[in-house]
Every structure is written in C-alpha cells, then in structure tokens.
Amino acid sequence: MPHGEALQHTYYYTQGRDGLMPALLLLEKCNESDLHATLQVGEFKNENISCSEKTCYLKVPDMKRWAQLAWSCLGDRSTGWSESDGDKWDDAIDDIVKQLANGDRIKVKDGETVTV
C-alpha cells in the first residue's frame, strides 16, 4: 500500500519511536513467501496456492482531505488520542501530504492524485 510508509513516517514524526505502532500501520511488509507460509498454516496445500500481482489505481481529488481521513483512522495510539496529538494535527496532515507527494508510487495526473 503506497500510503503505509507515509503514515508510519508521520506516526514516528509526531509520536516518536517509543510505544507501539498502531496495528493497521504494522512495520512488516507482507511478501509472497509470507503469504504462502500463512496459507500453509491455515492448511492450504502449496500446490493449490498461486500468487499474481495486480496493479490498482485510486484517484484522490483532495490529498489533504484524504490525509485527514487516513490519519483520523490510522494515527490513533493504543492509549487513544491525547490533547498534544490535537496540537500536532496540522503538522501530521502536512507531513502525510509531503510524504505521499514524494512517494515513488504516487503520481499527479490531470490535476488529481493517483496512487498505484
């Protein structure tokens, strides 16, 4: 997911590296061998498992609004939002937009942001 690294960066930027990363912002990346291993634990047979790559596109007409929505859902600490989190809200949103704009899987086409 192209937004994962941007949100992780912003989490560390606003919260520091202490404490737990929110569950939906896990640091580990899932690759094909991880998927195979997980399915095998679920008793799927290796010969019945196949993987393929799909490219998906998402048009985002307002990246700042998207960042606000994503951060409100994914930036919450395990202890909940604090008053200091509110004080850092604008900085967090600006950082997400900056990270996405500089990401290698985010493009602007016809005035709209497209994630691939």
PDB file of N, CA and C in Angstrom:
ATOM      1  N   MET A   1       0.842  -1.178   0.000  1.00  0.00           N
ATOM      2  CA  MET A   1       0.000   0.000   0.000  1.00  0.00           C
ATOM      3  C   MET A   1       0.888   1.243   0.000  1.00  0.00           C
ATOM      4  N   PRO A   2       0.726   2.104  -0.970  1.00  0.00           N
ATOM      5  CA  PRO A   2       1.617   3.250  -1.089  1.00  0.00           C
ATOM      6  C   PRO A   2       1.528   4.228   0.076  1.00  0.00           C
ATOM      7  N   HIS A   3       0.426   4.230   0.796  1.00  0.00           N
ATOM      8  CA  HIS A   3       0.282   5.185   1.892  1.00  0.00           C
ATOM      9  C   HIS A   3       0.882   4.690   3.206  1.00  0.00           C
ATOM     10  N   GLY A   4       1.179   3.409   3.318  1.00  0.00           N
ATOM     11  CA  GLY A   4       1.649   2.838   4.573  1.00  0.00           C
ATOM     12  C   GLY A   4       2.917   3.484   5.098  1.00  0.00           C
ATOM     13  N   GLU A   5       3.907   3.614   4.235  1.00  0.00           N
ATOM     14  CA  GLU A   5       5.173   4.203   4.674  1.00  0.00           C
ATOM     15  C   GLU A   5       5.001   5.671   5.063  1.00  0.00           C
ATOM     16  N   ALA A   6       4.152   6.391   4.343  1.00  0.00           N
ATOM     17  CA  ALA A   6       3.918   7.801   4.674  1.00  0.00           C
ATOM     18  C   ALA A   6       3.290   7.928   6.062  1.00  0.00           C
ATOM     19  N   LEU A   7       2.306   7.089   6.357  1.00  0.00           N
ATOM     20  CA  LEU A   7       1.649   7.154   7.662  1.00  0.00           C
ATOM     21  C   LEU A   7       2.574   6.687   8.779  1.00  0.00           C
ATOM     22  N   GLN A   8       3.397   5.683   8.504  1.00  0.00           N
ATOM     23  CA  GLN A   8       4.378   5.260   9.505  1.00  0.00           C
ATOM     24  C   GLN A   8       5.344   6.397   9.814  1.00  0.00           C
ATOM     25  N   HIS A   9       5.836   7.068   8.765  1.00  0.00           N
ATOM     26  CA  HIS A   9       6.745   8.196   8.948  1.00  0.00           C
ATOM     27  C   HIS A   9       6.101   9.265   9.826  1.00  0.00           C
ATOM     28  N   THR A  10       4.856   9.601   9.525  1.00  0.00           N
ATOM     29  CA  THR A  10       4.158  10.631  10.278  1.00  0.00           C
ATOM     30  C   THR A  10       3.926  10.200  11.715  1.00  0.00           C
ATOM     31  N   TYR A  11       3.646   8.934  11.917  1.00  0.00           N
ATOM     32  CA  TYR A  11       3.460   8.447  13.289  1.00  0.00           C
ATOM     33  C   TYR A  11       4.734   8.669  14.101  1.00  0.00           C
ATOM     34  N   TYR A  12       5.882   8.279  13.543  1.00  0.00           N
ATOM     35  CA  TYR A  12       7.148   8.493  14.240  1.00  0.00           C
ATOM     36  C   TYR A  12       7.454   9.982  14.388  1.00  0.00           C
ATOM     37  N   TYR A  13       7.140  10.758  13.384  1.00  0.00           N
ATOM     38  CA  TYR A  13       7.383  12.200  13.399  1.00  0.00           C
ATOM     39  C   TYR A  13       6.602  12.866  14.529  1.00  0.00           C
ATOM     40  N   THR A  14       5.373  12.441  14.749  1.00  0.00           N
ATOM     41  CA  THR A  14       4.533  13.081  15.766  1.00  0.00           C
ATOM     42  C   THR A  14       4.603  12.403  17.122  1.00  0.00           C
ATOM     43  N   GLN A  15       4.875  11.094  17.168  1.00  0.00           N
ATOM     44  CA  GLN A  15       4.819  10.349  18.425  1.00  0.00           C
ATOM     45  C   GLN A  15       6.178   9.910  18.941  1.00  0.00           C
ATOM     46  N   GLY A  16       7.199   9.973  18.101  1.00  0.00           N
ATOM     47  CA  GLY A  16       8.493   9.424  18.476  1.00  0.00           C
ATOM     48  C   GLY A  16       8.496   7.919  18.243  1.00  0.00           C
ATOM     49  N   ARG A  17       9.589   7.296  18.555  1.00  0.00           N
ATOM     50  CA  ARG A  17       9.718   5.858  18.296  1.00  0.00           C
ATOM     51  C   ARG A  17       9.367   4.995  19.504  1.00  0.00           C
ATOM     52  N   ASP A  18       8.974   5.615  20.603  1.00  0.00           N
ATOM     53  CA  ASP A  18       8.562   4.850  21.774  1.00  0.00           C
ATOM     54  C   ASP A  18       7.106   4.422  21.613  1.00  0.00           C
ATOM     55  N   GLY A  19       6.767   3.345  22.241  1.00  0.00           N
ATOM     56  CA  GLY A  19       5.387   2.876  22.194  1.00  0.00           C
ATOM     57  C   GLY A  19       5.120   2.016  20.978  1.00  0.00           C
ATOM     58  N   LEU A  20       3.920   1.515  20.933  1.00  0.00           N
ATOM     59  CA  LEU A  20       3.523   0.592  19.870  1.00  0.00           C
ATOM     60  C   LEU A  20       2.967   1.329  18.668  1.00  0.00           C
ATOM     61  N   MET A  21       3.370   0.857  17.490  1.00  0.00           N
ATOM     62  CA  MET A  21       2.788   1.348  16.242  1.00  0.00           C
ATOM     63  C   MET A  21       1.349   0.829  16.180  1.00  0.00           C
ATOM     64  N   PRO A  22       0.387   1.632  15.755  1.00  0.00           N
ATOM     65  CA  PRO A  22      -0.986   1.136  15.615  1.00  0.00           C
ATOM     66  C   PRO A  22      -1.020  -0.125  14.749  1.00  0.00           C
ATOM     67  N   ALA A  23      -1.918  -1.032  15.073  1.00  0.00           N
ATOM     68  CA  ALA A  23      -1.982  -2.332  14.406  1.00  0.00           C
ATOM     69  C   ALA A  23      -2.099  -2.221  12.889  1.00  0.00           C
ATOM     70  N   LEU A  24      -2.824  -1.244  12.401  1.00  0.00           N
ATOM     71  CA  LEU A  24      -3.011  -1.121  10.959  1.00  0.00           C
ATOM     72  C   LEU A  24      -1.824  -0.475  10.259  1.00  0.00           C
ATOM     73  N   LEU A  25      -0.806  -0.071  11.020  1.00  0.00           N
ATOM     74  CA  LEU A  25       0.398   0.504  10.431  1.00  0.00           C
ATOM     75  C   LEU A  25       1.599  -0.398  10.720  1.00  0.00           C
ATOM     76  N   LEU A  26       1.372  -1.684  10.702  1.00  0.00           N
ATOM     77  CA  LEU A  26       2.443  -2.621  11.022  1.00  0.00           C
ATOM     78  C   LEU A  26       3.674  -2.365  10.179  1.00  0.00           C
ATOM     79  N   LEU A  27       4.821  -2.571  10.790  1.00  0.00           N
ATOM     80  CA  LEU A  27       6.086  -2.294  10.120  1.00  0.00           C
ATOM     81  C   LEU A  27       6.471  -3.369   9.113  1.00  0.00           C
ATOM     82  N   GLU A  28       6.026  -4.584   9.351  1.00  0.00           N
ATOM     83  CA  GLU A  28       6.421  -5.674   8.474  1.00  0.00           C
ATOM     84  C   GLU A  28       5.684  -5.581   7.143  1.00  0.00           C
ATOM     85  N   LYS A  29       6.407  -5.868   6.096  1.00  0.00           N
ATOM     86  CA  LYS A  29       5.795  -5.923   4.780  1.00  0.00           C
ATOM     87  C   LYS A  29       5.496  -7.382   4.470  1.00  0.00           C
ATOM     88  N   CYS A  30       4.386  -7.616   3.874  1.00  0.00           N
ATOM     89  CA  CYS A  30       3.999  -8.973   3.512  1.00  0.00           C
ATOM     90  C   CYS A  30       4.448  -9.235   2.080  1.00  0.00           C
ATOM     91  N   ASN A  31       5.245 -10.277   1.906  1.00  0.00           N
ATOM     92  CA  ASN A  31       5.666 -10.634   0.557  1.00  0.00           C
ATOM     93  C   ASN A  31       5.072 -12.004   0.201  1.00  0.00           C
ATOM     94  N   GLU A  32       5.374 -12.482  -0.977  1.00  0.00           N
ATOM     95  CA  GLU A  32       4.769 -13.723  -1.460  1.00  0.00           C
ATOM     96  C   GLU A  32       5.107 -14.912  -0.565  1.00  0.00           C
ATOM     97  N   SER A  33       6.332 -15.005  -0.093  1.00  0.00           N
ATOM     98  CA  SER A  33       6.685 -16.146   0.763  1.00  0.00           C
ATOM     99  C   SER A  33       5.940 -16.080   2.094  1.00  0.00           C
ATOM    100  N   ASP A  34       5.718 -14.867   2.622  1.00  0.00           N
ATOM    101  CA  ASP A  34       4.926 -14.723   3.856  1.00  0.00           C
ATOM    102  C   ASP A  34       3.493 -15.183   3.634  1.00  0.00           C
ATOM    103  N   LEU A  35       2.933 -14.810   2.504  1.00  0.00           N
ATOM    104  CA  LEU A  35       1.567 -15.209   2.184  1.00  0.00           C
ATOM    105  C   LEU A  35       1.458 -16.720   2.062  1.00  0.00           C
ATOM    106  N   HIS A  36       2.416 -17.338   1.368  1.00  0.00           N
ATOM    107  CA  HIS A  36       2.427 -18.800   1.246  1.00  0.00           C
ATOM    108  C   HIS A  36       2.487 -19.456   2.623  1.00  0.00           C
ATOM    109  N   ALA A  37       3.391 -18.985   3.472  1.00  0.00           N
ATOM    110  CA  ALA A  37       3.550 -19.571   4.811  1.00  0.00           C
ATOM    111  C   ALA A  37       2.269 -19.437   5.622  1.00  0.00           C
ATOM    112  N   THR A  38       1.625 -18.273   5.544  1.00  0.00           N
ATOM    113  CA  THR A  38       0.383 -18.060   6.285  1.00  0.00           C
ATOM    114  C   THR A  38      -0.715 -18.988   5.793  1.00  0.00           C
ATOM    115  N   LEU A  39      -0.836 -19.139   4.484  1.00  0.00           N
ATOM    116  CA  LEU A  39      -1.865 -20.030   3.937  1.00  0.00           C
ATOM    117  C   LEU A  39      -1.590 -21.482   4.285  1.00  0.00           C
ATOM    118  N   GLN A  40      -0.332 -21.872   4.325  1.00  0.00           N
ATOM    119  CA  GLN A  40       0.008 -23.246   4.688  1.00  0.00           C
ATOM    120  C   GLN A  40      -0.324 -23.525   6.151  1.00  0.00           C
ATOM    121  N   VAL A  41      -0.132 -22.542   7.017  1.00  0.00           N
ATOM    122  CA  VAL A  41      -0.536 -22.696   8.420  1.00  0.00           C
ATOM    123  C   VAL A  41      -2.045 -22.906   8.486  1.00  0.00           C
ATOM    124  N   GLY A  42      -2.770 -22.271   7.584  1.00  0.00           N
ATOM    125  CA  GLY A  42      -4.222 -22.441   7.506  1.00  0.00           C
ATOM    126  C   GLY A  42      -4.625 -23.713   6.782  1.00  0.00           C
ATOM    127  N   GLU A  43      -3.664 -24.600   6.550  1.00  0.00           N
ATOM    128  CA  GLU A  43      -3.855 -25.927   5.966  1.00  0.00           C
ATOM    129  C   GLU A  43      -4.196 -25.916   4.473  1.00  0.00           C
ATOM    130  N   PHE A  44      -3.829 -24.832   3.785  1.00  0.00           N
ATOM    131  CA  PHE A  44      -3.910 -24.851   2.331  1.00  0.00           C
ATOM    132  C   PHE A  44      -2.683 -25.596   1.813  1.00  0.00           C
ATOM    133  N   LYS A  45      -2.851 -26.373   0.792  1.00  0.00           N
ATOM    134  CA  LYS A  45      -1.729 -27.111   0.220  1.00  0.00           C
ATOM    135  C   LYS A  45      -0.973 -26.217  -0.753  1.00  0.00           C
ATOM    136  N   ASN A  46       0.350 -26.321  -0.709  1.00  0.00           N
ATOM    137  CA  ASN A  46       1.202 -25.463  -1.527  1.00  0.00           C
ATOM    138  C   ASN A  46       0.837 -25.541  -3.008  1.00  0.00           C
ATOM    139  N   GLU A  47       0.503 -26.720  -3.494  1.00  0.00           N
ATOM    140  CA  GLU A  47       0.170 -26.864  -4.912  1.00  0.00           C
ATOM    141  C   GLU A  47      -1.149 -26.167  -5.287  1.00  0.00           C
ATOM    142  N   ASN A  48      -1.941 -25.818  -4.288  1.00  0.00           N
ATOM    143  CA  ASN A  48      -3.203 -25.122  -4.542  1.00  0.00           C
ATOM    144  C   ASN A  48      -3.092 -23.606  -4.357  1.00  0.00           C
ATOM    145  N   ILE A  49      -1.884 -23.139  -4.067  1.00  0.00           N
ATOM    146  CA  ILE A  49      -1.670 -21.707  -3.831  1.00  0.00           C
ATOM    147  C   ILE A  49      -0.974 -21.104  -5.044  1.00  0.00           C
ATOM    148  N   SER A  50      -1.539 -20.042  -5.565  1.00  0.00           N
ATOM    149  CA  SER A  50      -0.857 -19.292  -6.621  1.00  0.00           C
ATOM    150  C   SER A  50      -0.993 -17.806  -6.316  1.00  0.00           C
ATOM    151  N   CYS A  51       0.017 -17.083  -6.659  1.00  0.00           N
ATOM    152  CA  CYS A  51       0.017 -15.633  -6.421  1.00  0.00           C
ATOM    153  C   CYS A  51       0.209 -14.918  -7.739  1.00  0.00           C
ATOM    154  N   SER A  52      -0.406 -13.766  -7.848  1.00  0.00           N
ATOM    155  CA  SER A  52      -0.208 -12.921  -9.012  1.00  0.00           C
ATOM    156  C   SER A  52      -0.227 -11.475  -8.544  1.00  0.00           C
ATOM    157  N   GLU A  53       0.363 -10.622  -9.335  1.00  0.00           N
ATOM    158  CA  GLU A  53       0.428  -9.216  -8.986  1.00  0.00           C
ATOM    159  C   GLU A  53      -0.646  -8.452  -9.740  1.00  0.00           C
ATOM    160  N   LYS A  54      -1.312  -7.564  -9.042  1.00  0.00           N
ATOM    161  CA  LYS A  54      -2.337  -6.717  -9.641  1.00  0.00           C
ATOM    162  C   LYS A  54      -1.986  -5.260  -9.375  1.00  0.00           C
ATOM    163  N   THR A  55      -2.153  -4.436 -10.349  1.00  0.00           N
ATOM    164  CA  THR A  55      -1.956  -3.009 -10.186  1.00  0.00           C
ATOM    165  C   THR A  55      -3.325  -2.366 -10.060  1.00  0.00           C
ATOM    166  N   CYS A  56      -3.487  -1.576  -9.024  1.00  0.00           N
ATOM    167  CA  CYS A  56      -4.753  -0.892  -8.783  1.00  0.00           C
ATOM    168  C   CYS A  56      -4.498   0.609  -8.755  1.00  0.00           C
ATOM    169  N   TYR A  57      -5.498   1.363  -9.110  1.00  0.00           N
ATOM    170  CA  TYR A  57      -5.392   2.811  -9.135  1.00  0.00           C
ATOM    171  C   TYR A  57      -6.506   3.411  -8.288  1.00  0.00           C
ATOM    172  N   LEU A  58      -6.177   4.453  -7.581  1.00  0.00           N
ATOM    173  CA  LEU A  58      -7.152   5.170  -6.776  1.00  0.00           C
ATOM    174  C   LEU A  58      -6.972   6.655  -7.043  1.00  0.00           C
ATOM    175  N   LYS A  59      -8.001   7.298  -7.554  1.00  0.00           N
ATOM    176  CA  LYS A  59      -7.937   8.743  -7.782  1.00  0.00           C
ATOM    177  C   LYS A  59      -8.340   9.454  -6.498  1.00  0.00           C
ATOM    178  N   VAL A  60      -7.521  10.404  -6.097  1.00  0.00           N
ATOM    179  CA  VAL A  60      -7.777  11.168  -4.884  1.00  0.00           C
ATOM    180  C   VAL A  60      -7.811  12.644  -5.266  1.00  0.00           C
ATOM    181  N   PRO A  61      -9.003  13.230  -5.346  1.00  0.00           N
ATOM    182  CA  PRO A  61      -9.091  14.615  -5.803  1.00  0.00           C
ATOM    183  C   PRO A  61      -8.563  15.639  -4.793  1.00  0.00           C
ATOM    184  N   ASP A  62      -8.504  15.280  -3.512  1.00  0.00           N
ATOM    185  CA  ASP A  62      -8.044  16.220  -2.488  1.00  0.00           C
ATOM    186  C   ASP A  62      -7.155  15.457  -1.510  1.00  0.00           C
ATOM    187  N   MET A  63      -5.836  15.509  -1.743  1.00  0.00           N
ATOM    188  CA  MET A  63      -4.912  14.722  -0.934  1.00  0.00           C
ATOM    189  C   MET A  63      -4.932  15.153   0.530  1.00  0.00           C
ATOM    190  N   LYS A  64      -5.110  16.443   0.807  1.00  0.00           N
ATOM    191  CA  LYS A  64      -5.156  16.889   2.200  1.00  0.00           C
ATOM    192  C   LYS A  64      -6.358  16.281   2.913  1.00  0.00           C
ATOM    193  N   ARG A  65      -7.493  16.270   2.271  1.00  0.00           N
ATOM    194  CA  ARG A  65      -8.697  15.669   2.875  1.00  0.00           C
ATOM    195  C   ARG A  65      -8.484  14.179   3.085  1.00  0.00           C
ATOM    196  N   TRP A  66      -7.876  13.510   2.107  1.00  0.00           N
ATOM    197  CA  TRP A  66      -7.589  12.083   2.243  1.00  0.00           C
ATOM    198  C   TRP A  66      -6.666  11.853   3.437  1.00  0.00           C
ATOM    199  N   ALA A  67      -5.637  12.714   3.596  1.00  0.00           N
ATOM    200  CA  ALA A  67      -4.703  12.580   4.719  1.00  0.00           C
ATOM    201  C   ALA A  67      -5.424  12.759   6.051  1.00  0.00           C
ATOM    202  N   GLN A  68      -6.354  13.698   6.114  1.00  0.00           N
ATOM    203  CA  GLN A  68      -7.124  13.903   7.347  1.00  0.00           C
ATOM    204  C   GLN A  68      -7.936  12.657   7.698  1.00  0.00           C
ATOM    205  N   LEU A  69      -8.578  12.081   6.703  1.00  0.00           N
ATOM    206  CA  LEU A  69      -9.374  10.874   6.945  1.00  0.00           C
ATOM    207  C   LEU A  69      -8.498   9.702   7.353  1.00  0.00           C
ATOM    208  N   ALA A  70      -7.391   9.515   6.649  1.00  0.00           N
ATOM    209  CA  ALA A  70      -6.496   8.396   6.964  1.00  0.00           C
ATOM    210  C   ALA A  70      -5.912   8.554   8.361  1.00  0.00           C
ATOM    211  N   TRP A  71      -5.470   9.760   8.699  1.00  0.00           N
ATOM    212  CA  TRP A  71      -4.843   9.977   9.998  1.00  0.00           C
ATOM    213  C   TRP A  71      -5.855   9.811  11.124  1.00  0.00           C
ATOM    214  N   SER A  72      -7.095  10.237  10.904  1.00  0.00           N
ATOM    215  CA  SER A  72      -8.104  10.091  11.955  1.00  0.00           C
ATOM    216  C   SER A  72      -8.388   8.623  12.252  1.00  0.00           C
ATOM    217  N   CYS A  73      -8.241   7.768  11.254  1.00  0.00           N
ATOM    218  CA  CYS A  73      -8.483   6.334  11.444  1.00  0.00           C
ATOM    219  C   CYS A  73      -7.235   5.569  11.850  1.00  0.00           C
ATOM    220  N   LEU A  74      -6.085   5.940  11.309  1.00  0.00           N
ATOM    221  CA  LEU A  74      -4.883   5.116  11.457  1.00  0.00           C
ATOM    222  C   LEU A  74      -3.827   5.695  12.386  1.00  0.00           C
ATOM    223  N   GLY A  75      -3.913   6.952  12.748  1.00  0.00           N
ATOM    224  CA  GLY A  75      -2.870   7.565  13.558  1.00  0.00           C
ATOM    225  C   GLY A  75      -3.078   7.455  15.055  1.00  0.00           C
ATOM    226  N   ASP A  76      -4.203   6.926  15.470  1.00  0.00           N
ATOM    227  CA  ASP A  76      -4.561   6.816  16.877  1.00  0.00           C
ATOM    228  C   ASP A  76      -3.613   5.871  17.618  1.00  0.00           C
ATOM    229  N   ARG A  77      -3.112   6.312  18.763  1.00  0.00           N
ATOM    230  CA  ARG A  77      -2.277   5.447  19.597  1.00  0.00           C
ATOM    231  C   ARG A  77      -3.141   4.437  20.335  1.00  0.00           C
ATOM    232  N   SER A  78      -2.504   3.397  20.846  1.00  0.00           N
ATOM    233  CA  SER A  78      -3.240   2.366  21.590  1.00  0.00           C
ATOM    234  C   SER A  78      -3.894   2.952  22.835  1.00  0.00           C
ATOM    235  N   THR A  79      -3.362   4.051  23.329  1.00  0.00           N
ATOM    236  CA  THR A  79      -3.922   4.695  24.521  1.00  0.00           C
ATOM    237  C   THR A  79      -4.971   5.744  24.160  1.00  0.00           C
ATOM    238  N   GLY A  80      -5.229   5.918  22.876  1.00  0.00           N
ATOM    239  CA  GLY A  80      -6.198   6.904  22.417  1.00  0.00           C
ATOM    240  C   GLY A  80      -5.543   8.233  22.107  1.00  0.00           C
ATOM    241  N   TRP A  81      -6.325   9.132  21.520  1.00  0.00           N
ATOM    242  CA  TRP A  81      -5.822  10.458  21.166  1.00  0.00           C
ATOM    243  C   TRP A  81      -5.613  11.272  22.430  1.00  0.00           C
ATOM    244  N   SER A  82      -4.584  12.095  22.439  1.00  0.00           N
ATOM    245  CA  SER A  82      -4.317  12.979  23.572  1.00  0.00           C
ATOM    246  C   SER A  82      -4.463  14.430  23.118  1.00  0.00           C
ATOM    247  N   GLU A  83      -4.470  15.332  24.087  1.00  0.00           N
ATOM    248  CA  GLU A  83      -4.561  16.751  23.742  1.00  0.00           C
ATOM    249  C   GLU A  83      -3.350  17.186  22.916  1.00  0.00           C
ATOM    250  N   SER A  84      -2.170  16.647  23.236  1.00  0.00           N
ATOM    251  CA  SER A  84      -0.977  17.014  22.469  1.00  0.00           C
ATOM    252  C   SER A  84      -1.063  16.505  21.030  1.00  0.00           C
ATOM    253  N   ASP A  85      -1.787  15.396  20.812  1.00  0.00           N
ATOM    254  CA  ASP A  85      -1.999  14.922  19.435  1.00  0.00           C
ATOM    255  C   ASP A  85      -2.795  15.953  18.643  1.00  0.00           C
ATOM    256  N   GLY A  86      -3.769  16.559  19.292  1.00  0.00           N
ATOM    257  CA  GLY A  86      -4.545  17.605  18.638  1.00  0.00           C
ATOM    258  C   GLY A  86      -3.689  18.801  18.284  1.00  0.00           C
ATOM    259  N   ASP A  87      -2.741  19.114  19.158  1.00  0.00           N
ATOM    260  CA  ASP A  87      -1.829  20.229  18.898  1.00  0.00           C
ATOM    261  C   ASP A  87      -0.937  19.954  17.693  1.00  0.00           C
ATOM    262  N   LYS A  88      -0.676  18.675  17.426  1.00  0.00           N
ATOM    263  CA  LYS A  88       0.211  18.277  16.319  1.00  0.00           C
ATOM    264  C   LYS A  88      -0.557  17.914  15.048  1.00  0.00           C
ATOM    265  N   TRP A  89      -1.876  18.042  15.089  1.00  0.00           N
ATOM    266  CA  TRP A  89      -2.715  17.569  13.982  1.00  0.00           C
ATOM    267  C   TRP A  89      -2.312  18.176  12.638  1.00  0.00           C
ATOM    268  N   ASP A  90      -2.209  19.480  12.565  1.00  0.00           N
ATOM    269  CA  ASP A  90      -1.882  20.130  11.289  1.00  0.00           C
ATOM    270  C   ASP A  90      -0.509  19.705  10.782  1.00  0.00           C
ATOM    271  N   ASP A  91       0.457  19.597  11.697  1.00  0.00           N
ATOM    272  CA  ASP A  91       1.791  19.128  11.297  1.00  0.00           C
ATOM    273  C   ASP A  91       1.727  17.706  10.757  1.00  0.00           C
ATOM    274  N   ALA A  92       0.908  16.863  11.397  1.00  0.00           N
ATOM    275  CA  ALA A  92       0.776  15.477  10.943  1.00  0.00           C
ATOM    276  C   ALA A  92       0.183  15.428   9.541  1.00  0.00           C
ATOM    277  N   ILE A  93      -0.877  16.184   9.306  1.00  0.00           N
ATOM    278  CA  ILE A  93      -1.524  16.180   7.990  1.00  0.00           C
ATOM    279  C   ILE A  93      -0.558  16.699   6.925  1.00  0.00           C
ATOM    280  N   ASP A  94       0.145  17.775   7.234  1.00  0.00           N
ATOM    281  CA  ASP A  94       1.120  18.318   6.281  1.00  0.00           C
ATOM    282  C   ASP A  94       2.215  17.298   5.978  1.00  0.00           C
ATOM    283  N   ASP A  95       2.655  16.566   7.004  1.00  0.00           N
ATOM    284  CA  ASP A  95       3.703  15.568   6.796  1.00  0.00           C
ATOM    285  C   ASP A  95       3.206  14.410   5.928  1.00  0.00           C
ATOM    286  N   ILE A  96       1.983  13.962   6.148  1.00  0.00           N
ATOM    287  CA  ILE A  96       1.433  12.884   5.316  1.00  0.00           C
ATOM    288  C   ILE A  96       1.395  13.316   3.854  1.00  0.00           C
ATOM    289  N   VAL A  97       0.868  14.504   3.605  1.00  0.00           N
ATOM    290  CA  VAL A  97       0.780  15.004   2.226  1.00  0.00           C
ATOM    291  C   VAL A  97       2.172  15.111   1.616  1.00  0.00           C
ATOM    292  N   LYS A  98       3.128  15.608   2.380  1.00  0.00           N
ATOM    293  CA  LYS A  98       4.508  15.732   1.887  1.00  0.00           C
ATOM    294  C   LYS A  98       5.088  14.357   1.569  1.00  0.00           C
ATOM    295  N   GLN A  99       4.906  13.393   2.467  1.00  0.00           N
ATOM    296  CA  GLN A  99       5.443  12.054   2.244  1.00  0.00           C
ATOM    297  C   GLN A  99       4.808  11.404   1.019  1.00  0.00           C
ATOM    298  N   LEU A 100       3.503  11.581   0.856  1.00  0.00           N
ATOM    299  CA  LEU A 100       2.823  10.999  -0.305  1.00  0.00           C
ATOM    300  C   LEU A 100       3.282  11.667  -1.594  1.00  0.00           C
ATOM    301  N   ALA A 101       3.444  12.989  -1.558  1.00  0.00           N
ATOM    302  CA  ALA A 101       3.867  13.710  -2.758  1.00  0.00           C
ATOM    303  C   ALA A 101       5.263  13.284  -3.207  1.00  0.00           C
ATOM    304  N   ASN A 102       6.084  12.864  -2.261  1.00  0.00           N
ATOM    305  CA  ASN A 102       7.448  12.447  -2.579  1.00  0.00           C
ATOM    306  C   ASN A 102       7.568  10.935  -2.759  1.00  0.00           C
ATOM    307  N   GLY A 103       6.469  10.209  -2.610  1.00  0.00           N
ATOM    308  CA  GLY A 103       6.497   8.750  -2.752  1.00  0.00           C
ATOM    309  C   GLY A 103       6.657   8.335  -4.198  1.00  0.00           C
ATOM    310  N   ASP A 104       7.259   7.180  -4.393  1.00  0.00           N
ATOM    311  CA  ASP A 104       7.508   6.721  -5.761  1.00  0.00           C
ATOM    312  C   ASP A 104       6.286   6.058  -6.403  1.00  0.00           C
ATOM    313  N   ARG A 105       5.241   5.809  -5.622  1.00  0.00           N
ATOM    314  CA  ARG A 105       4.053   5.177  -6.202  1.00  0.00           C
ATOM    315  C   ARG A 105       2.849   6.108  -6.210  1.00  0.00           C
ATOM    316  N   ILE A 106       3.101   7.391  -6.081  1.00  0.00           N
ATOM    317  CA  ILE A 106       2.049   8.397  -6.113  1.00  0.00           C
ATOM    318  C   ILE A 106       2.344   9.331  -7.287  1.00  0.00           C
ATOM    319  N   LYS A 107       1.339   9.571  -8.094  1.00  0.00           N
ATOM    320  CA  LYS A 107       1.509  10.443  -9.260  1.00  0.00           C
ATOM    321  C   LYS A 107       0.359  11.428  -9.322  1.00  0.00           C
ATOM    322  N   VAL A 108       0.610  12.557  -9.945  1.00  0.00           N
ATOM    323  CA  VAL A 108      -0.458  13.515 -10.204  1.00  0.00           C
ATOM    324  C   VAL A 108      -0.723  13.491 -11.693  1.00  0.00           C
ATOM    325  N   LYS A 109      -1.972  13.216 -12.050  1.00  0.00           N
ATOM    326  CA  LYS A 109      -2.370  13.124 -13.449  1.00  0.00           C
ATOM    327  C   LYS A 109      -3.663  13.912 -13.624  1.00  0.00           C
ATOM    328  N   ASP A 110      -3.666  14.826 -14.560  1.00  0.00           N
ATOM    329  CA  ASP A 110      -4.841  15.643 -14.850  1.00  0.00           C
ATOM    330  C   ASP A 110      -5.354  16.360 -13.603  1.00  0.00           C
ATOM    331  N   GLY A 111      -4.431  16.827 -12.774  1.00  0.00           N
ATOM    332  CA  GLY A 111      -4.813  17.578 -11.582  1.00  0.00           C
ATOM    333  C   GLY A 111      -5.283  16.742 -10.420  1.00  0.00           C
ATOM    334  N   GLU A 112      -5.357  15.431 -10.574  1.00  0.00           N
ATOM    335  CA  GLU A 112      -5.789  14.558  -9.489  1.00  0.00           C
ATOM    336  C   GLU A 112      -4.624  13.654  -9.085  1.00  0.00           C
ATOM    337  N   THR A 113      -4.558  13.376  -7.801  1.00  0.00           N
ATOM    338  CA  THR A 113      -3.542  12.466  -7.302  1.00  0.00           C
ATOM    339  C   THR A 113      -3.988  11.042  -7.552  1.00  0.00           C
ATOM    340  N   VAL A 114      -3.092  10.239  -8.066  1.00  0.00           N
ATOM    341  CA  VAL A 114      -3.402   8.836  -8.358  1.00  0.00           C
ATOM    342  C   VAL A 114      -2.388   7.974  -7.613  1.00  0.00           C
ATOM    343  N   THR A 115      -2.874   7.041  -6.830  1.00  0.00           N
ATOM    344  CA  THR A 115      -1.991   6.091  -6.174  1.00  0.00           C
ATOM    345  C   THR A 115      -1.996   4.809  -6.976  1.00  0.00           C
ATOM    346  N   VAL A 116      -0.822   4.211  -7.102  1.00  0.00           N
ATOM    347  CA  VAL A 116      -0.709   2.945  -7.863  1.00  0.00           C
ATOM    348  C   VAL A 116       0.026   1.921  -7.033  1.00  0.00           C
TER     349      VAL A 116
END
